[in-house]
Amino acid sequence: MNLSALSALALVLGTGSIASAPVMAQAPVPASQIRALNLARNTAVAENGGLSVYRPQPCMFKTSDGGGECLVSDDASGYTFSFLGGQPGWPEDGSNPTTETELQVAPDGRSVTSILYNGSPR
């Protein structure tokens, strides 16, 4: 076998090995959690003057992981989110957040059951 034939064989075998490697899948985020995240984010935006003056912390836009670090609890009483916010662009330009919001959303993700805190960062 010549060098080019060996290279071709290695490429084929290597590609086959990669293609059959197991893929680690992330558990799907429940629809109720995505609804809760969107409702919590939109409630905070409305409570804090709208998108022209306020932006929530980036984790509140991460629907693929259900809010990530902003989700502080998920239990029988619903979803509780706690996150910072501030002027548009605050996370990107290094500005300090001006607001902290904590709220609870019903287990089905369809209603805010309580705004636990909405004020200066604690």
N, C-alpha and C. Protein backbone atom coordinates (compact mmCIF):
# COMPACT_ATOMS: atom_id res chain seq x y z
N MET A 1 0.84 -1.17 0.00
CA MET A 1 0.00 0.00 0.00
C MET A 1 0.89 1.24 0.00
N ASN A 2 0.54 2.21 -0.84
CA ASN A 2 1.36 3.41 -0.90
C ASN A 2 0.86 4.44 0.13
N LEU A 3 1.59 5.53 0.27
CA LEU A 3 1.30 6.56 1.27
C LEU A 3 -0.06 7.21 1.06
N SER A 4 -0.42 7.48 -0.18
CA SER A 4 -1.71 8.13 -0.42
C SER A 4 -2.88 7.19 -0.09
N ALA A 5 -2.71 5.89 -0.35
CA ALA A 5 -3.75 4.92 -0.01
C ALA A 5 -3.90 4.80 1.51
N LEU A 6 -2.76 4.81 2.23
CA LEU A 6 -2.81 4.78 3.70
C LEU A 6 -3.47 6.03 4.26
N SER A 7 -3.17 7.17 3.68
CA SER A 7 -3.78 8.42 4.13
C SER A 7 -5.28 8.41 3.91
N ALA A 8 -5.70 7.92 2.76
CA ALA A 8 -7.13 7.83 2.46
C ALA A 8 -7.83 6.88 3.43
N LEU A 9 -7.20 5.74 3.70
CA LEU A 9 -7.76 4.78 4.63
C LEU A 9 -7.87 5.37 6.04
N ALA A 10 -6.83 6.07 6.47
CA ALA A 10 -6.84 6.70 7.79
C ALA A 10 -7.95 7.74 7.88
N LEU A 11 -8.13 8.49 6.80
CA LEU A 11 -9.18 9.52 6.78
C LEU A 11 -10.56 8.87 6.89
N VAL A 12 -10.78 7.80 6.12
CA VAL A 12 -12.06 7.10 6.15
C VAL A 12 -12.32 6.50 7.53
N LEU A 13 -11.33 5.81 8.06
CA LEU A 13 -11.49 5.18 9.37
C LEU A 13 -11.66 6.21 10.47
N GLY A 14 -10.92 7.27 10.40
CA GLY A 14 -11.02 8.33 11.41
C GLY A 14 -12.37 9.01 11.37
N THR A 15 -12.88 9.29 10.17
CA THR A 15 -14.18 9.93 10.02
C THR A 15 -15.28 9.02 10.56
N GLY A 16 -15.15 7.73 10.28
CA GLY A 16 -16.15 6.78 10.76
C GLY A 16 -16.17 6.72 12.28
N SER A 17 -14.99 6.79 12.89
CA SER A 17 -14.92 6.74 14.35
C SER A 17 -15.56 7.96 14.97
N ILE A 18 -15.34 9.12 14.39
CA ILE A 18 -15.92 10.35 14.92
C ILE A 18 -17.43 10.33 14.75
N ALA A 19 -17.88 9.87 13.59
CA ALA A 19 -19.32 9.87 13.31
C ALA A 19 -20.08 8.95 14.25
N SER A 20 -19.45 7.89 14.74
CA SER A 20 -20.17 6.97 15.60
C SER A 20 -19.95 7.26 17.10
N ALA A 21 -19.22 8.32 17.42
CA ALA A 21 -19.00 8.67 18.82
C ALA A 21 -20.31 9.09 19.46
N PRO A 22 -20.53 8.70 20.72
CA PRO A 22 -21.78 9.07 21.38
C PRO A 22 -21.87 10.59 21.57
N VAL A 23 -23.07 11.10 21.48
CA VAL A 23 -23.32 12.53 21.66
C VAL A 23 -24.01 12.71 23.00
N MET A 24 -23.47 13.62 23.80
CA MET A 24 -24.06 13.91 25.11
C MET A 24 -25.19 14.91 24.91
N ALA A 25 -26.40 14.51 25.20
CA ALA A 25 -27.55 15.39 25.02
C ALA A 25 -27.94 16.01 26.35
N GLN A 26 -28.34 17.27 26.29
CA GLN A 26 -28.82 17.97 27.47
C GLN A 26 -30.31 17.67 27.62
N ALA A 27 -30.75 17.48 28.86
CA ALA A 27 -32.16 17.23 29.09
C ALA A 27 -32.96 18.43 28.61
N PRO A 28 -34.09 18.18 27.95
CA PRO A 28 -34.87 19.31 27.45
C PRO A 28 -35.45 20.14 28.62
N VAL A 29 -35.52 21.43 28.39
CA VAL A 29 -36.11 22.34 29.38
C VAL A 29 -37.62 22.27 29.22
N PRO A 30 -38.36 22.06 30.31
CA PRO A 30 -39.82 21.98 30.20
C PRO A 30 -40.42 23.27 29.63
N ALA A 31 -41.47 23.14 28.87
CA ALA A 31 -42.15 24.30 28.28
C ALA A 31 -42.59 25.28 29.35
N SER A 32 -43.03 24.76 30.50
CA SER A 32 -43.47 25.66 31.58
C SER A 32 -42.32 26.53 32.09
N GLN A 33 -41.11 25.99 32.10
CA GLN A 33 -39.95 26.76 32.56
C GLN A 33 -39.58 27.85 31.54
N ILE A 34 -39.69 27.54 30.28
CA ILE A 34 -39.42 28.55 29.25
C ILE A 34 -40.46 29.66 29.32
N ARG A 35 -41.74 29.27 29.49
CA ARG A 35 -42.79 30.29 29.65
C ARG A 35 -42.53 31.15 30.87
N ALA A 36 -42.14 30.51 31.98
CA ALA A 36 -41.85 31.23 33.22
C ALA A 36 -40.70 32.21 33.04
N LEU A 37 -39.65 31.78 32.37
CA LEU A 37 -38.50 32.64 32.10
C LEU A 37 -38.91 33.86 31.28
N ASN A 38 -39.64 33.63 30.20
CA ASN A 38 -40.08 34.74 29.34
C ASN A 38 -40.99 35.70 30.10
N LEU A 39 -41.91 35.15 30.90
CA LEU A 39 -42.81 35.99 31.67
C LEU A 39 -42.06 36.79 32.73
N ALA A 40 -41.13 36.16 33.41
CA ALA A 40 -40.34 36.85 34.44
C ALA A 40 -39.54 37.99 33.81
N ARG A 41 -38.89 37.71 32.70
CA ARG A 41 -38.09 38.74 32.01
C ARG A 41 -38.96 39.90 31.57
N ASN A 42 -40.08 39.60 30.93
CA ASN A 42 -40.96 40.65 30.43
C ASN A 42 -41.60 41.45 31.56
N THR A 43 -41.89 40.81 32.67
CA THR A 43 -42.44 41.51 33.84
C THR A 43 -41.41 42.48 34.39
N ALA A 44 -40.17 42.05 34.49
CA ALA A 44 -39.11 42.92 34.99
C ALA A 44 -38.90 44.12 34.06
N VAL A 45 -38.93 43.87 32.77
CA VAL A 45 -38.78 44.97 31.80
C VAL A 45 -39.90 45.99 32.00
N ALA A 46 -41.14 45.52 32.11
CA ALA A 46 -42.28 46.43 32.30
C ALA A 46 -42.19 47.18 33.63
N GLU A 47 -41.80 46.48 34.69
CA GLU A 47 -41.70 47.10 36.02
C GLU A 47 -40.60 48.16 36.10
N ASN A 48 -39.60 48.03 35.23
CA ASN A 48 -38.44 48.91 35.31
C ASN A 48 -38.34 49.92 34.17
N GLY A 49 -39.45 50.19 33.50
CA GLY A 49 -39.50 51.29 32.54
C GLY A 49 -39.40 50.95 31.08
N GLY A 50 -39.31 49.68 30.72
CA GLY A 50 -39.27 49.29 29.31
C GLY A 50 -37.85 49.11 28.79
N LEU A 51 -37.77 48.53 27.61
CA LEU A 51 -36.46 48.20 27.02
C LEU A 51 -35.63 49.42 26.64
N SER A 52 -36.25 50.58 26.52
CA SER A 52 -35.47 51.77 26.16
C SER A 52 -34.60 52.25 27.33
N VAL A 53 -34.91 51.81 28.55
CA VAL A 53 -34.14 52.25 29.72
C VAL A 53 -33.61 51.10 30.58
N TYR A 54 -34.04 49.88 30.30
CA TYR A 54 -33.70 48.76 31.18
C TYR A 54 -33.44 47.49 30.38
N ARG A 55 -32.41 46.75 30.79
CA ARG A 55 -32.14 45.42 30.23
C ARG A 55 -31.83 44.46 31.37
N PRO A 56 -32.49 43.29 31.37
CA PRO A 56 -32.18 42.28 32.37
C PRO A 56 -30.83 41.61 32.10
N GLN A 57 -30.34 40.95 33.11
CA GLN A 57 -29.09 40.18 33.02
C GLN A 57 -29.18 39.18 31.87
N PRO A 58 -28.08 38.94 31.14
CA PRO A 58 -28.11 38.04 29.98
C PRO A 58 -28.68 36.64 30.25
N CYS A 59 -28.54 36.11 31.45
CA CYS A 59 -29.07 34.76 31.72
C CYS A 59 -30.59 34.70 31.54
N MET A 60 -31.26 35.85 31.60
CA MET A 60 -32.72 35.86 31.42
C MET A 60 -33.12 35.70 29.95
N PHE A 61 -32.15 35.67 29.06
CA PHE A 61 -32.42 35.45 27.65
C PHE A 61 -32.02 34.05 27.21
N LYS A 62 -31.51 33.24 28.12
CA LYS A 62 -31.02 31.90 27.79
C LYS A 62 -32.12 30.85 27.93
N THR A 63 -33.01 30.83 26.96
CA THR A 63 -34.12 29.88 27.02
C THR A 63 -33.65 28.44 26.90
N SER A 64 -32.54 28.20 26.22
CA SER A 64 -32.08 26.83 26.03
C SER A 64 -31.67 26.16 27.34
N ASP A 65 -31.31 26.96 28.35
CA ASP A 65 -31.02 26.36 29.66
C ASP A 65 -31.96 26.88 30.75
N GLY A 66 -33.11 27.38 30.33
CA GLY A 66 -34.17 27.74 31.27
C GLY A 66 -33.85 28.86 32.23
N GLY A 67 -32.91 29.70 31.87
CA GLY A 67 -32.55 30.82 32.74
C GLY A 67 -31.24 30.64 33.46
N GLY A 68 -30.68 29.45 33.38
CA GLY A 68 -29.36 29.19 33.97
C GLY A 68 -29.21 29.71 35.38
N GLU A 69 -28.19 30.54 35.59
CA GLU A 69 -27.88 31.04 36.93
C GLU A 69 -28.96 31.96 37.50
N CYS A 70 -29.87 32.46 36.67
CA CYS A 70 -30.95 33.33 37.16
C CYS A 70 -32.08 32.54 37.83
N LEU A 71 -32.18 31.25 37.53
CA LEU A 71 -33.19 30.40 38.15
C LEU A 71 -32.67 29.96 39.51
N VAL A 72 -33.30 30.44 40.58
CA VAL A 72 -32.81 30.09 41.92
C VAL A 72 -33.58 28.93 42.54
N SER A 73 -34.80 28.70 42.10
CA SER A 73 -35.50 27.51 42.56
C SER A 73 -36.61 27.11 41.58
N ASP A 74 -36.86 25.82 41.58
CA ASP A 74 -37.88 25.21 40.74
C ASP A 74 -38.49 24.12 41.60
N ASP A 75 -39.65 24.42 42.19
CA ASP A 75 -40.28 23.44 43.08
C ASP A 75 -41.79 23.50 42.93
N ALA A 76 -42.51 22.87 43.83
CA ALA A 76 -43.96 22.79 43.75
C ALA A 76 -44.64 24.16 43.77
N SER A 77 -43.97 25.17 44.33
CA SER A 77 -44.58 26.51 44.37
C SER A 77 -44.30 27.31 43.10
N GLY A 78 -43.46 26.79 42.22
CA GLY A 78 -43.20 27.46 40.94
C GLY A 78 -41.74 27.70 40.70
N TYR A 79 -41.48 28.66 39.85
CA TYR A 79 -40.12 29.02 39.45
C TYR A 79 -39.77 30.36 40.07
N THR A 80 -38.62 30.45 40.72
CA THR A 80 -38.15 31.71 41.28
C THR A 80 -36.89 32.12 40.54
N PHE A 81 -36.92 33.35 40.03
CA PHE A 81 -35.79 33.92 39.32
C PHE A 81 -35.27 35.12 40.09
N SER A 82 -33.97 35.27 40.13
CA SER A 82 -33.33 36.43 40.74
C SER A 82 -32.23 36.88 39.79
N PHE A 83 -32.27 38.16 39.42
CA PHE A 83 -31.33 38.65 38.42
C PHE A 83 -31.14 40.16 38.53
N LEU A 84 -30.04 40.59 37.97
CA LEU A 84 -29.70 42.01 37.95
C LEU A 84 -30.17 42.62 36.65
N GLY A 85 -30.21 43.93 36.61
CA GLY A 85 -30.57 44.66 35.40
C GLY A 85 -30.01 46.06 35.47
N GLY A 86 -30.09 46.76 34.36
CA GLY A 86 -29.59 48.12 34.32
C GLY A 86 -29.84 48.75 32.98
N GLN A 87 -29.14 49.85 32.72
CA GLN A 87 -29.31 50.57 31.46
C GLN A 87 -28.94 49.66 30.29
N PRO A 88 -29.52 49.88 29.12
CA PRO A 88 -29.15 49.06 27.97
C PRO A 88 -27.64 49.05 27.76
N GLY A 89 -27.09 47.87 27.58
CA GLY A 89 -25.67 47.69 27.34
C GLY A 89 -24.83 47.53 28.60
N TRP A 90 -25.45 47.53 29.77
CA TRP A 90 -24.65 47.49 31.01
C TRP A 90 -23.73 46.28 31.12
N PRO A 91 -24.15 45.08 30.73
CA PRO A 91 -23.20 43.96 30.88
C PRO A 91 -22.04 44.07 29.89
N GLU A 92 -22.33 44.55 28.68
CA GLU A 92 -21.30 44.61 27.64
C GLU A 92 -20.28 45.71 27.87
N ASP A 93 -20.72 46.86 28.41
CA ASP A 93 -19.78 47.97 28.59
C ASP A 93 -19.15 48.02 29.98
N GLY A 94 -19.49 47.04 30.81
CA GLY A 94 -18.87 46.97 32.13
C GLY A 94 -19.51 47.87 33.18
N SER A 95 -20.64 48.48 32.84
CA SER A 95 -21.35 49.32 33.82
C SER A 95 -21.89 48.45 34.94
N ASN A 96 -22.12 49.06 36.07
CA ASN A 96 -22.72 48.34 37.19
C ASN A 96 -24.23 48.23 36.99
N PRO A 97 -24.82 47.12 37.42
CA PRO A 97 -26.27 47.02 37.36
C PRO A 97 -26.89 48.01 38.35
N THR A 98 -28.08 48.44 38.06
CA THR A 98 -28.76 49.39 38.94
C THR A 98 -29.97 48.79 39.65
N THR A 99 -30.36 47.61 39.22
CA THR A 99 -31.58 47.00 39.74
C THR A 99 -31.37 45.51 39.98
N GLU A 100 -32.03 45.01 41.00
CA GLU A 100 -32.10 43.57 41.24
C GLU A 100 -33.58 43.22 41.32
N THR A 101 -33.95 42.16 40.64
CA THR A 101 -35.34 41.71 40.64
C THR A 101 -35.38 40.25 41.04
N GLU A 102 -36.32 39.93 41.90
CA GLU A 102 -36.58 38.55 42.28
C GLU A 102 -38.08 38.35 42.20
N LEU A 103 -38.49 37.35 41.43
CA LEU A 103 -39.92 37.08 41.34
C LEU A 103 -40.21 35.61 41.19
N GLN A 104 -41.43 35.28 41.54
CA GLN A 104 -41.86 33.89 41.48
C GLN A 104 -42.98 33.76 40.45
N VAL A 105 -42.89 32.71 39.66
CA VAL A 105 -43.86 32.42 38.61
C VAL A 105 -44.53 31.09 38.94
N ALA A 106 -45.82 31.00 38.66
CA ALA A 106 -46.59 29.78 38.91
C ALA A 106 -45.95 28.57 38.24
N PRO A 107 -46.20 27.37 38.77
CA PRO A 107 -45.61 26.14 38.21
C PRO A 107 -45.90 25.92 36.73
N ASP A 108 -47.04 26.42 36.22
CA ASP A 108 -47.34 26.26 34.80
C ASP A 108 -46.67 27.33 33.94
N GLY A 109 -46.02 28.32 34.58
CA GLY A 109 -45.30 29.37 33.86
C GLY A 109 -46.18 30.45 33.27
N ARG A 110 -47.45 30.47 33.65
CA ARG A 110 -48.39 31.38 33.01
C ARG A 110 -48.73 32.64 33.80
N SER A 111 -48.30 32.74 35.06
CA SER A 111 -48.60 33.95 35.83
C SER A 111 -47.52 34.21 36.87
N VAL A 112 -47.27 35.49 37.11
CA VAL A 112 -46.35 35.89 38.18
C VAL A 112 -47.15 35.82 39.47
N THR A 113 -46.68 35.03 40.41
CA THR A 113 -47.40 34.90 41.68
C THR A 113 -46.93 35.93 42.70
N SER A 114 -45.66 36.40 42.56
CA SER A 114 -45.16 37.38 43.50
C SER A 114 -43.90 38.06 42.98
N ILE A 115 -43.86 39.38 43.15
CA ILE A 115 -42.60 40.11 42.93
C ILE A 115 -42.01 40.22 44.32
N LEU A 116 -40.99 39.42 44.57
CA LEU A 116 -40.39 39.34 45.90
C LEU A 116 -39.49 40.53 46.19
N TYR A 117 -38.85 41.08 45.14
CA TYR A 117 -37.96 42.23 45.33
C TYR A 117 -37.76 42.87 43.96
N ASN A 118 -37.75 44.19 43.94
CA ASN A 118 -37.40 44.94 42.73
C ASN A 118 -36.87 46.28 43.18
N GLY A 119 -35.55 46.37 43.30
CA GLY A 119 -34.95 47.60 43.79
C GLY A 119 -33.45 47.60 43.55
N SER A 120 -32.76 48.41 44.33
CA SER A 120 -31.30 48.49 44.21
C SER A 120 -30.68 47.14 44.51
N PRO A 121 -29.57 46.82 43.84
CA PRO A 121 -28.91 45.54 44.11
C PRO A 121 -28.57 45.40 45.59
N ARG A 122 -28.88 44.23 46.12
CA ARG A 122 -28.64 43.97 47.55
C ARG A 122 -27.24 43.45 47.77
